[in-house]
Each structure stands twice: as structure tokens, then as C-alpha cells.
Amino acid sequence: MEHNKDWGFKDQIQRAAVSIMNNIAEGYESGSDAKYVNFLNISKGSCSEVRSMLYLCIDRDFCTQEQFDDLKSQTIQISQQLYKLIEYLGKK
């Protein structure tokens, strides 16, 4: 039973991570800056979801502190880059 819970957790974090890049791609192809910004905001939400799940990951001993710190830092960087792109598109 525990194995199934681990698989479900890993599946959820993977789907959230994939959602980040898929929403960026879908927004880019949407045809308007307003739609693109909407998809970028969804991507930021998915990025926050990944970061939230990383806290569960460390609490459940699914990753090391070093892995947690590295991945958390990456999610913060991605979120900041998305924010800058959203800002840029808003000023166009």
C-alpha cells in the first residue's frame, strides 16, 4: 500500500512539473499576449505546486536536503523568470 502512495505522490509532482512547460508552450501558440499571460500565470501556479510538494517530499524522506534545496531554488528561479515575462508582455 505504501508503494502505491509513493507512486501517486511522484506522479502528481511530475504532472505539475510537466504542466509548467506545457502551459508556456500552449500560451506561446495562443495568438495573443493576453492569452499568453494567462497561460504563464497557470505555469506559475504549477511551479508553486511543485515547490509545495517539495516540502512534502523532504518531510516524507523522499529526497535529501541537498536535493530539496536545489529543486526549490530552481522552482523559485523559474517562477521569477515567468514573472518577468508576464511583466514584459504587460508593458507591450
N, C-alpha and C. Protein backbone atom coordinates (compact mmCIF):
# COMPACT_ATOMS: atom_id res chain seq x y z
N MET A 1 0.83 -1.20 0.00
CA MET A 1 0.00 0.00 0.00
C MET A 1 0.86 1.25 0.00
N GLU A 2 1.92 1.27 0.78
CA GLU A 2 2.82 2.43 0.82
C GLU A 2 3.43 2.70 -0.54
N HIS A 3 3.75 1.66 -1.27
CA HIS A 3 4.32 1.83 -2.62
C HIS A 3 3.35 2.60 -3.52
N ASN A 4 2.08 2.29 -3.43
CA ASN A 4 1.08 3.00 -4.24
C ASN A 4 1.00 4.47 -3.87
N LYS A 5 1.11 4.79 -2.59
CA LYS A 5 1.10 6.18 -2.16
C LYS A 5 2.33 6.90 -2.71
N ASP A 6 3.48 6.25 -2.67
CA ASP A 6 4.70 6.85 -3.22
C ASP A 6 4.53 7.11 -4.70
N TRP A 7 3.97 6.15 -5.41
CA TRP A 7 3.78 6.31 -6.86
C TRP A 7 2.84 7.47 -7.13
N GLY A 8 1.75 7.58 -6.39
CA GLY A 8 0.80 8.66 -6.59
C GLY A 8 1.43 10.01 -6.33
N PHE A 9 2.26 10.11 -5.30
CA PHE A 9 2.94 11.36 -4.99
C PHE A 9 3.90 11.73 -6.12
N LYS A 10 4.68 10.77 -6.55
CA LYS A 10 5.65 11.03 -7.63
C LYS A 10 4.93 11.40 -8.92
N ASP A 11 3.82 10.75 -9.18
CA ASP A 11 3.03 11.06 -10.38
C ASP A 11 2.51 12.49 -10.32
N GLN A 12 2.02 12.91 -9.17
CA GLN A 12 1.46 14.26 -9.02
C GLN A 12 2.53 15.34 -9.21
N ILE A 13 3.67 15.16 -8.60
CA ILE A 13 4.73 16.16 -8.72
C ILE A 13 5.25 16.21 -10.16
N GLN A 14 5.31 15.07 -10.81
CA GLN A 14 5.75 15.03 -12.20
C GLN A 14 4.73 15.72 -13.11
N ARG A 15 3.46 15.49 -12.88
CA ARG A 15 2.42 16.14 -13.69
C ARG A 15 2.44 17.65 -13.50
N ALA A 16 2.67 18.11 -12.29
CA ALA A 16 2.75 19.55 -12.03
C ALA A 16 3.96 20.16 -12.74
N ALA A 17 5.09 19.45 -12.71
CA ALA A 17 6.29 19.95 -13.38
C ALA A 17 6.09 20.02 -14.89
N VAL A 18 5.48 19.00 -15.46
CA VAL A 18 5.21 18.99 -16.90
C VAL A 18 4.22 20.09 -17.26
N SER A 19 3.28 20.37 -16.38
CA SER A 19 2.29 21.41 -16.62
C SER A 19 2.95 22.78 -16.78
N ILE A 20 4.05 23.01 -16.09
CA ILE A 20 4.75 24.29 -16.22
C ILE A 20 5.14 24.53 -17.67
N MET A 21 5.85 23.60 -18.26
CA MET A 21 6.32 23.82 -19.63
C MET A 21 5.22 23.69 -20.67
N ASN A 22 4.24 22.83 -20.43
CA ASN A 22 3.15 22.70 -21.39
C ASN A 22 2.31 23.97 -21.47
N ASN A 23 2.08 24.61 -20.34
CA ASN A 23 1.30 25.85 -20.36
C ASN A 23 2.08 26.99 -21.00
N ILE A 24 3.39 27.01 -20.83
CA ILE A 24 4.21 28.01 -21.53
C ILE A 24 4.07 27.81 -23.03
N ALA A 25 4.19 26.58 -23.48
CA ALA A 25 4.09 26.28 -24.91
C ALA A 25 2.71 26.60 -25.45
N GLU A 26 1.69 26.20 -24.73
CA GLU A 26 0.32 26.43 -25.20
C GLU A 26 0.03 27.94 -25.26
N GLY A 27 0.49 28.66 -24.26
CA GLY A 27 0.29 30.10 -24.25
C GLY A 27 1.01 30.81 -25.38
N TYR A 28 2.21 30.35 -25.67
CA TYR A 28 3.00 30.94 -26.75
C TYR A 28 2.28 30.80 -28.09
N GLU A 29 1.61 29.70 -28.28
CA GLU A 29 0.91 29.43 -29.54
C GLU A 29 -0.52 29.98 -29.54
N SER A 30 -0.93 30.63 -28.47
CA SER A 30 -2.33 31.05 -28.34
C SER A 30 -2.74 32.17 -29.28
N GLY A 31 -1.79 32.95 -29.72
CA GLY A 31 -2.11 34.01 -30.68
C GLY A 31 -2.32 35.39 -30.11
N SER A 32 -2.31 35.53 -28.78
CA SER A 32 -2.42 36.88 -28.21
C SER A 32 -1.62 36.96 -26.92
N ASP A 33 -1.13 38.16 -26.64
CA ASP A 33 -0.36 38.35 -25.41
C ASP A 33 -1.22 38.11 -24.17
N ALA A 34 -2.49 38.53 -24.24
CA ALA A 34 -3.37 38.35 -23.07
C ALA A 34 -3.55 36.86 -22.75
N LYS A 35 -3.76 36.06 -23.78
CA LYS A 35 -3.90 34.61 -23.55
C LYS A 35 -2.59 34.02 -23.07
N TYR A 36 -1.47 34.48 -23.65
CA TYR A 36 -0.16 34.01 -23.26
C TYR A 36 0.07 34.28 -21.77
N VAL A 37 -0.25 35.50 -21.33
CA VAL A 37 -0.08 35.87 -19.93
C VAL A 37 -0.93 34.96 -19.04
N ASN A 38 -2.14 34.65 -19.45
CA ASN A 38 -2.99 33.74 -18.68
C ASN A 38 -2.32 32.38 -18.51
N PHE A 39 -1.79 31.84 -19.59
CA PHE A 39 -1.11 30.54 -19.51
C PHE A 39 0.17 30.62 -18.67
N LEU A 40 0.86 31.76 -18.74
CA LEU A 40 2.06 31.93 -17.92
C LEU A 40 1.69 31.96 -16.44
N ASN A 41 0.57 32.58 -16.11
CA ASN A 41 0.11 32.57 -14.71
C ASN A 41 -0.26 31.17 -14.25
N ILE A 42 -0.83 30.39 -15.14
CA ILE A 42 -1.11 28.98 -14.80
C ILE A 42 0.20 28.24 -14.57
N SER A 43 1.20 28.53 -15.39
CA SER A 43 2.52 27.91 -15.21
C SER A 43 3.12 28.28 -13.86
N LYS A 44 2.99 29.54 -13.46
CA LYS A 44 3.48 29.96 -12.14
C LYS A 44 2.76 29.19 -11.04
N GLY A 45 1.47 28.97 -11.21
CA GLY A 45 0.72 28.19 -10.23
C GLY A 45 1.24 26.77 -10.13
N SER A 46 1.52 26.17 -11.28
CA SER A 46 2.07 24.81 -11.28
C SER A 46 3.45 24.78 -10.64
N CYS A 47 4.21 25.83 -10.86
CA CYS A 47 5.54 25.92 -10.25
C CYS A 47 5.41 25.99 -8.72
N SER A 48 4.44 26.74 -8.25
CA SER A 48 4.19 26.81 -6.80
C SER A 48 3.74 25.46 -6.26
N GLU A 49 2.96 24.74 -7.06
CA GLU A 49 2.52 23.41 -6.64
C GLU A 49 3.72 22.47 -6.49
N VAL A 50 4.64 22.53 -7.44
CA VAL A 50 5.85 21.70 -7.35
C VAL A 50 6.62 22.06 -6.08
N ARG A 51 6.80 23.36 -5.84
CA ARG A 51 7.54 23.80 -4.65
C ARG A 51 6.85 23.32 -3.37
N SER A 52 5.53 23.43 -3.32
CA SER A 52 4.79 22.95 -2.16
C SER A 52 5.01 21.45 -1.95
N MET A 53 4.99 20.72 -3.04
CA MET A 53 5.16 19.27 -2.94
C MET A 53 6.58 18.89 -2.52
N LEU A 54 7.53 19.77 -2.82
CA LEU A 54 8.91 19.51 -2.39
C LEU A 54 9.00 19.49 -0.86
N TYR A 55 8.20 20.34 -0.20
CA TYR A 55 8.19 20.31 1.26
C TYR A 55 7.67 18.97 1.78
N LEU A 56 6.66 18.44 1.12
CA LEU A 56 6.18 17.10 1.48
C LEU A 56 7.24 16.05 1.19
N CYS A 57 7.95 16.26 0.11
CA CYS A 57 8.99 15.32 -0.29
C CYS A 57 10.06 15.21 0.79
N ILE A 58 10.49 16.34 1.30
CA ILE A 58 11.52 16.32 2.35
C ILE A 58 10.94 15.77 3.65
N ASP A 59 9.69 16.13 3.96
CA ASP A 59 9.05 15.62 5.18
C ASP A 59 8.90 14.11 5.17
N ARG A 60 8.65 13.55 4.00
CA ARG A 60 8.46 12.09 3.88
C ARG A 60 9.76 11.35 3.60
N ASP A 61 10.87 12.06 3.61
CA ASP A 61 12.19 11.48 3.33
C ASP A 61 12.28 10.87 1.94
N PHE A 62 11.60 11.49 0.97
CA PHE A 62 11.69 11.04 -0.42
C PHE A 62 12.89 11.68 -1.12
N CYS A 63 13.49 12.70 -0.50
CA CYS A 63 14.66 13.35 -1.09
C CYS A 63 15.57 13.83 0.04
N THR A 64 16.79 14.15 -0.33
CA THR A 64 17.75 14.67 0.65
C THR A 64 17.56 16.18 0.78
N GLN A 65 18.13 16.74 1.81
CA GLN A 65 18.08 18.19 2.00
C GLN A 65 18.74 18.91 0.82
N GLU A 66 19.83 18.35 0.34
CA GLU A 66 20.54 18.94 -0.81
C GLU A 66 19.66 18.94 -2.06
N GLN A 67 18.98 17.84 -2.32
CA GLN A 67 18.07 17.76 -3.46
C GLN A 67 16.93 18.76 -3.30
N PHE A 68 16.37 18.82 -2.09
CA PHE A 68 15.29 19.76 -1.81
C PHE A 68 15.74 21.19 -2.08
N ASP A 69 16.90 21.56 -1.53
CA ASP A 69 17.40 22.92 -1.70
C ASP A 69 17.62 23.27 -3.16
N ASP A 70 18.19 22.34 -3.91
CA ASP A 70 18.45 22.58 -5.33
C ASP A 70 17.16 22.73 -6.12
N LEU A 71 16.22 21.82 -5.90
CA LEU A 71 14.96 21.87 -6.63
C LEU A 71 14.12 23.08 -6.23
N LYS A 72 14.10 23.40 -4.96
CA LYS A 72 13.37 24.58 -4.51
C LYS A 72 13.94 25.83 -5.17
N SER A 73 15.25 25.93 -5.20
CA SER A 73 15.91 27.07 -5.84
C SER A 73 15.53 27.16 -7.32
N GLN A 74 15.47 26.02 -7.99
CA GLN A 74 15.09 26.01 -9.40
C GLN A 74 13.65 26.47 -9.59
N THR A 75 12.74 26.06 -8.70
CA THR A 75 11.35 26.50 -8.85
C THR A 75 11.21 28.00 -8.61
N ILE A 76 11.99 28.53 -7.69
CA ILE A 76 11.97 29.98 -7.44
C ILE A 76 12.49 30.73 -8.65
N GLN A 77 13.57 30.22 -9.23
CA GLN A 77 14.14 30.86 -10.42
C GLN A 77 13.15 30.83 -11.59
N ILE A 78 12.52 29.70 -11.81
CA ILE A 78 11.53 29.58 -12.89
C ILE A 78 10.38 30.55 -12.66
N SER A 79 9.89 30.61 -11.43
CA SER A 79 8.78 31.50 -11.11
C SER A 79 9.17 32.96 -11.35
N GLN A 80 10.37 33.33 -10.98
CA GLN A 80 10.85 34.69 -11.21
C GLN A 80 10.95 35.01 -12.70
N GLN A 81 11.42 34.05 -13.48
CA GLN A 81 11.53 34.26 -14.92
C GLN A 81 10.14 34.40 -15.56
N LEU A 82 9.20 33.59 -15.10
CA LEU A 82 7.84 33.70 -15.60
C LEU A 82 7.25 35.07 -15.25
N TYR A 83 7.50 35.53 -14.04
CA TYR A 83 7.00 36.84 -13.62
C TYR A 83 7.56 37.94 -14.51
N LYS A 84 8.86 37.88 -14.79
CA LYS A 84 9.49 38.89 -15.66
C LYS A 84 8.89 38.87 -17.06
N LEU A 85 8.60 37.69 -17.58
CA LEU A 85 7.98 37.59 -18.90
C LEU A 85 6.56 38.15 -18.87
N ILE A 86 5.83 37.86 -17.81
CA ILE A 86 4.47 38.40 -17.65
C ILE A 86 4.53 39.93 -17.59
N GLU A 87 5.47 40.45 -16.83
CA GLU A 87 5.63 41.90 -16.75
C GLU A 87 5.93 42.50 -18.12
N TYR A 88 6.85 41.89 -18.83
CA TYR A 88 7.23 42.37 -20.15
C TYR A 88 6.04 42.39 -21.10
N LEU A 89 5.31 41.31 -21.13
CA LEU A 89 4.15 41.23 -22.03
C LEU A 89 3.07 42.24 -21.64
N GLY A 90 2.97 42.54 -20.36
CA GLY A 90 2.00 43.52 -19.90
C GLY A 90 2.35 44.95 -20.31
N LYS A 91 3.62 45.19 -20.59
CA LYS A 91 4.07 46.53 -20.96
C LYS A 91 4.08 46.75 -22.46
N LYS A 92 3.84 45.70 -23.23
CA LYS A 92 3.88 45.82 -24.70
C LYS A 92 2.71 46.61 -25.21
